[in-house]
Protein backbone atom coordinates (compact mmCIF):
# COMPACT_ATOMS: atom_id res chain seq x y z
CA MET A 1 0.00 0.00 0.00
CA ARG A 2 1.59 3.26 -1.14
CA LYS A 3 1.78 6.13 1.33
CA LEU A 4 -0.77 8.87 0.57
CA ILE A 5 0.67 12.36 1.09
CA VAL A 6 -0.64 15.91 0.85
CA ALA A 7 2.23 18.38 1.12
CA GLY A 8 1.78 22.14 1.35
CA ASN A 9 4.48 24.34 -0.20
CA TRP A 10 4.01 27.80 1.28
CA LYS A 11 6.67 29.27 -1.04
CA MET A 12 7.60 32.89 -0.12
CA ASN A 13 4.36 33.63 1.70
CA THR A 14 3.31 34.53 5.26
CA THR A 15 5.23 36.25 8.01
CA VAL A 16 6.44 34.10 10.89
CA PRO A 17 3.42 34.95 13.12
CA GLU A 18 1.05 34.27 10.21
CA GLY A 19 2.80 30.97 9.52
CA VAL A 20 2.50 29.91 13.16
CA GLU A 21 -1.24 30.62 13.11
CA LEU A 22 -1.66 28.70 9.85
CA ALA A 23 0.25 25.75 11.29
CA LYS A 24 -1.91 25.79 14.43
CA ALA A 25 -5.08 25.75 12.33
CA ILE A 26 -3.77 22.86 10.20
CA VAL A 27 -2.78 20.83 13.28
CA GLU A 28 -6.20 21.32 14.84
CA LYS A 29 -8.10 20.36 11.69
CA ALA A 30 -5.79 17.40 10.99
CA LYS A 31 -6.98 15.65 14.16
CA GLY A 32 -9.99 14.31 12.28
CA LEU A 33 -8.02 13.14 9.25
CA PRO A 34 -8.27 9.40 8.53
CA ALA A 35 -5.23 7.27 9.26
CA GLY A 36 -3.10 6.55 6.23
CA VAL A 37 -2.94 10.11 4.89
CA GLU A 38 0.24 11.99 5.76
CA LEU A 39 0.24 15.79 5.88
CA VAL A 40 3.44 17.76 5.26
CA VAL A 41 3.94 21.53 5.46
CA ALA A 42 6.89 23.39 3.92
CA PRO A 43 7.15 26.93 5.30
CA PRO A 44 9.93 29.39 4.43
CA PHE A 45 13.29 28.81 6.17
CA THR A 46 12.63 31.68 8.60
CA HIS A 47 9.54 29.90 9.93
CA LEU A 48 10.84 26.37 10.37
CA ALA A 49 11.86 26.46 14.05
CA SER A 50 8.64 28.20 15.12
CA VAL A 51 6.42 25.90 13.05
CA ALA A 52 8.34 22.85 14.33
CA ASP A 53 7.23 23.75 17.85
CA VAL A 54 3.60 23.91 16.73
CA LEU A 55 3.78 20.54 14.99
CA LYS A 56 5.26 18.60 17.91
CA GLY A 57 3.07 15.63 18.81
CA SER A 58 0.76 16.19 15.82
CA LYS A 59 0.05 14.23 12.64
CA VAL A 60 1.75 16.90 10.50
CA CYS A 61 5.34 16.57 9.22
CA LEU A 62 7.74 19.45 8.60
CA SER A 63 9.56 20.04 5.33
CA ALA A 64 12.03 22.60 4.02
CA GLN A 65 11.56 24.05 0.54
CA ASN A 66 15.17 23.46 -0.49
CA CYS A 67 18.63 22.71 0.89
CA ALA A 68 22.23 23.59 0.07
CA ASP A 69 24.48 21.45 -2.09
CA HIS A 70 27.28 21.62 0.50
CA GLU A 71 27.50 20.21 4.03
CA LYS A 72 28.72 23.49 5.57
CA GLY A 73 31.15 26.33 4.98
CA ALA A 74 31.44 29.77 3.39
CA TYR A 75 28.21 29.70 1.39
CA THR A 76 26.42 32.87 2.41
CA GLY A 77 22.64 32.63 2.35
CA GLU A 78 22.54 28.83 2.05
CA VAL A 79 20.95 26.36 4.49
CA ALA A 80 22.61 23.00 5.17
CA VAL A 81 20.77 19.72 5.69
CA SER A 82 22.26 19.45 9.20
CA MET A 83 20.56 22.75 10.08
CA LEU A 84 17.25 21.38 8.83
CA THR A 85 17.41 18.13 10.77
CA SER A 86 18.52 19.96 13.91
CA ILE A 87 15.19 21.81 14.07
CA GLY A 88 13.04 18.80 13.29
CA CYS A 89 12.59 18.76 9.52
CA GLN A 90 11.63 15.36 8.17
CA TYR A 91 11.47 16.31 4.49
CA THR A 92 12.91 18.71 1.98
CA ILE A 93 11.50 19.65 -1.42
CA LEU A 94 14.11 19.57 -4.19
CA GLY A 95 14.01 20.57 -7.85
CA HIS A 96 10.83 22.62 -7.69
CA SER A 97 10.04 24.15 -11.09
CA GLU A 98 10.60 27.64 -9.68
CA ARG A 99 14.07 26.64 -8.47
CA ARG A 100 14.84 25.20 -11.91
CA GLN A 101 13.41 28.18 -13.81
CA TYR A 102 14.57 31.15 -11.71
CA TYR A 103 17.71 29.85 -10.01
CA GLY A 104 19.26 27.55 -12.59
CA GLU A 105 18.84 24.36 -10.58
CA THR A 106 20.22 21.49 -12.68
CA ASP A 107 19.73 17.75 -12.48
CA GLU A 108 23.43 17.42 -11.63
CA LYS A 109 23.05 19.72 -8.64
CA LEU A 110 19.92 17.85 -7.57
CA VAL A 111 21.87 14.59 -7.43
CA VAL A 112 24.25 16.23 -4.93
CA LYS A 113 21.43 17.75 -2.87
CA THR A 114 19.45 14.51 -2.83
CA LYS A 115 22.51 12.56 -1.67
CA LEU A 116 23.20 15.02 1.17
CA ALA A 117 19.55 15.04 2.22
CA LEU A 118 19.21 11.25 2.29
CA GLU A 119 22.51 10.82 4.14
CA ALA A 120 21.26 13.28 6.77
CA GLY A 121 18.05 11.29 7.27
CA LEU A 122 15.74 13.64 5.40
CA LYS A 123 13.08 12.37 3.03
CA VAL A 124 13.10 14.06 -0.37
CA ILE A 125 10.17 15.34 -2.41
CA LEU A 126 11.75 15.50 -5.87
CA CYS A 127 9.90 17.63 -8.42
CA VAL A 128 9.81 16.91 -12.15
CA GLY A 129 7.70 18.41 -14.91
CA GLU A 130 7.50 20.07 -18.30
CA ASN A 131 6.80 23.68 -19.28
CA LEU A 132 4.21 24.88 -21.80
CA ASP A 133 6.57 24.88 -24.81
CA GLU A 134 7.64 21.32 -24.04
CA ARG A 135 4.03 20.19 -23.57
CA GLU A 136 2.88 21.80 -26.84
CA ALA A 137 5.85 20.28 -28.70
CA GLY A 138 4.81 16.83 -27.46
CA LYS A 139 8.03 16.45 -25.45
CA HIS A 140 6.42 16.07 -22.03
CA PHE A 141 7.12 12.35 -21.67
CA ASP A 142 10.73 12.83 -22.78
CA VAL A 143 11.34 15.74 -20.40
CA VAL A 144 9.86 14.01 -17.36
CA THR A 145 11.60 10.73 -18.17
CA ALA A 146 14.97 12.48 -18.47
CA GLN A 147 14.55 14.46 -15.23
CA THR A 148 13.59 11.31 -13.33
CA LYS A 149 16.45 9.22 -14.72
CA ASN A 150 19.06 11.99 -14.41
CA VAL A 151 18.54 12.17 -10.65
CA LEU A 152 17.12 8.91 -9.33
CA TYR A 153 19.19 6.52 -11.42
CA HIS A 154 22.18 7.61 -9.30
CA PHE A 155 20.59 6.02 -6.23
CA THR A 156 19.64 2.57 -4.95
CA ALA A 157 16.29 0.91 -4.39
CA ASP A 158 16.83 1.37 -0.64
CA ASP A 159 17.41 5.09 -1.16
CA LEU A 160 14.12 5.37 -3.03
CA LYS A 161 12.21 4.31 0.09
CA ASN A 162 12.85 7.87 1.30
CA VAL A 163 12.04 9.65 -1.96
CA VAL A 164 8.67 10.96 -3.10
CA ILE A 165 8.23 12.29 -6.65
CA ALA A 166 6.03 15.29 -7.36
CA TYR A 167 4.92 15.81 -10.96
CA GLU A 168 4.46 19.49 -11.77
CA PRO A 169 2.92 20.40 -15.10
CA VAL A 170 4.62 23.81 -15.05
CA TRP A 171 2.15 25.08 -17.65
CA ALA A 172 -0.72 24.50 -15.19
CA ILE A 173 0.73 26.39 -12.21
CA GLY A 174 -0.69 29.87 -11.73
CA THR A 175 -1.67 30.11 -15.41
CA GLY A 176 -5.36 29.34 -15.20
CA LYS A 177 -4.73 26.19 -17.25
CA THR A 178 -5.40 22.87 -15.54
CA ALA A 179 -4.21 19.39 -16.41
CA THR A 180 -7.06 16.92 -16.64
CA ALA A 181 -7.01 13.89 -14.37
CA ALA A 182 -6.24 11.77 -17.46
CA GLN A 183 -3.29 13.99 -18.45
CA ALA A 184 -1.91 13.82 -14.92
CA GLU A 185 -2.41 10.05 -14.70
CA GLU A 186 -0.57 9.29 -17.94
CA ILE A 187 2.53 11.18 -16.72
CA HIS A 188 2.36 9.54 -13.28
CA ALA A 189 2.16 6.15 -14.98
CA CYS A 190 5.14 7.09 -17.16
CA ILE A 191 7.19 8.04 -14.08
CA ARG A 192 6.30 4.75 -12.43
CA SER A 193 7.43 2.86 -15.54
CA VAL A 194 10.74 4.76 -15.53
CA ILE A 195 11.30 3.66 -11.91
CA ALA A 196 10.33 0.08 -12.76
CA GLU A 197 12.77 0.00 -15.68
CA LYS A 198 15.73 0.54 -13.35
CA PHE A 199 14.60 -0.71 -9.95
CA GLY A 200 11.87 -3.26 -10.70
CA ALA A 201 8.08 -3.33 -10.52
CA ALA A 202 7.89 -3.77 -6.74
CA VAL A 203 9.93 -0.63 -6.05
CA ALA A 204 7.90 1.32 -8.61
CA GLU A 205 4.62 0.18 -7.05
CA ASP A 206 5.77 1.39 -3.63
CA MET A 207 6.82 4.84 -4.93
CA THR A 208 4.56 7.71 -3.85
CA ILE A 209 3.99 10.11 -6.76
CA LEU A 210 2.23 13.40 -6.06
CA TYR A 211 0.44 15.75 -8.44
CA GLY A 212 1.66 19.33 -8.22
CA GLY A 213 -0.39 21.42 -10.63
CA SER A 214 -3.16 23.64 -9.26
CA CYS A 215 -4.72 21.00 -7.04
CA LYS A 216 -7.74 22.33 -5.12
CA PRO A 217 -10.58 20.87 -3.04
CA SER A 218 -12.76 21.10 -6.17
CA ASN A 219 -10.58 18.83 -8.33
CA ALA A 220 -8.63 16.75 -5.77
CA LYS A 221 -11.13 13.89 -5.58
CA GLU A 222 -11.06 13.33 -9.34
CA LEU A 223 -7.25 13.48 -9.43
CA PHE A 224 -6.75 11.20 -6.42
CA ALA A 225 -9.12 8.61 -7.91
CA GLU A 226 -6.50 7.85 -10.57
CA LYS A 227 -4.51 4.73 -9.74
CA ASP A 228 -1.04 6.28 -10.01
CA ILE A 229 -1.73 9.59 -8.21
CA ASP A 230 -0.94 9.28 -4.51
CA GLY A 231 -1.62 12.81 -3.30
CA GLY A 232 -0.60 16.35 -4.04
CA LEU A 233 2.10 18.98 -3.67
CA ILE A 234 -0.09 21.98 -2.99
CA GLY A 235 0.75 25.65 -3.56
CA GLY A 236 -1.88 28.37 -3.15
CA ALA A 237 -4.49 26.15 -1.50
CA ALA A 238 -1.96 25.22 1.21
CA LEU A 239 -2.15 28.78 2.58
CA LYS A 240 -5.72 28.22 3.83
CA ALA A 241 -6.18 25.50 6.43
CA ASP A 242 -9.72 24.65 5.26
CA ASP A 243 -8.63 24.24 1.64
CA PHE A 244 -5.54 22.25 2.56
CA LEU A 245 -7.49 19.83 4.74
CA GLY A 246 -10.27 19.73 2.17
CA ILE A 247 -7.75 18.35 -0.31
CA ALA A 248 -6.47 15.79 2.22
CA GLU A 249 -10.04 14.65 2.88
CA SER A 250 -10.56 13.95 -0.85
CA PHE A 251 -9.04 10.45 -0.71
């Protein structure tokens, strides 16, 4: 049985006090969530210690939005995996489309970051996905296949037990466009086949693959009904506790 996950990426939103209040509301509402659905929140770095205190003893896990590609040293503005684990992070998001697009994050750098994160005991939510030009050119399967292989084929089947993949149709994030459940499912199935090709069917079947493209309470049930979609990496809807829990209740 694959783990079902709904992860909220707060991006560069909320002040620390606002983030603490949001976390409190999520923790309270999560008490009624059925067993078997894991909630994860990923606040900005500045919020992590404060939100970690709120989450203690709750059903909600803490994630960072990124990590450095070095263990420590003279890297001004970077945050090391050891810093994240020291304040209670259980996950980190890596390779988000915004990191790739705006900050030049490459697959090669993601291999390094993933290795550091896994060695530190963090679970990784690895993002893959195509942009609008790639989708319209019919290259979406090729792009997602390459991104998945370029990072995960450097690891072992044991490593993959601590990796979650999030498929982001970049063209459907904040654009008003939405991927249909069928479009999302065919890419999720493709990702699972890429994992099976290298690591075997059993490993692929155990892999949690999240949908990360404008998932809301109104479309979550239809998306989550697909056999290869195991939850969501949520952006805007994660900033409202009712919407975030509404998505989690859609399973």
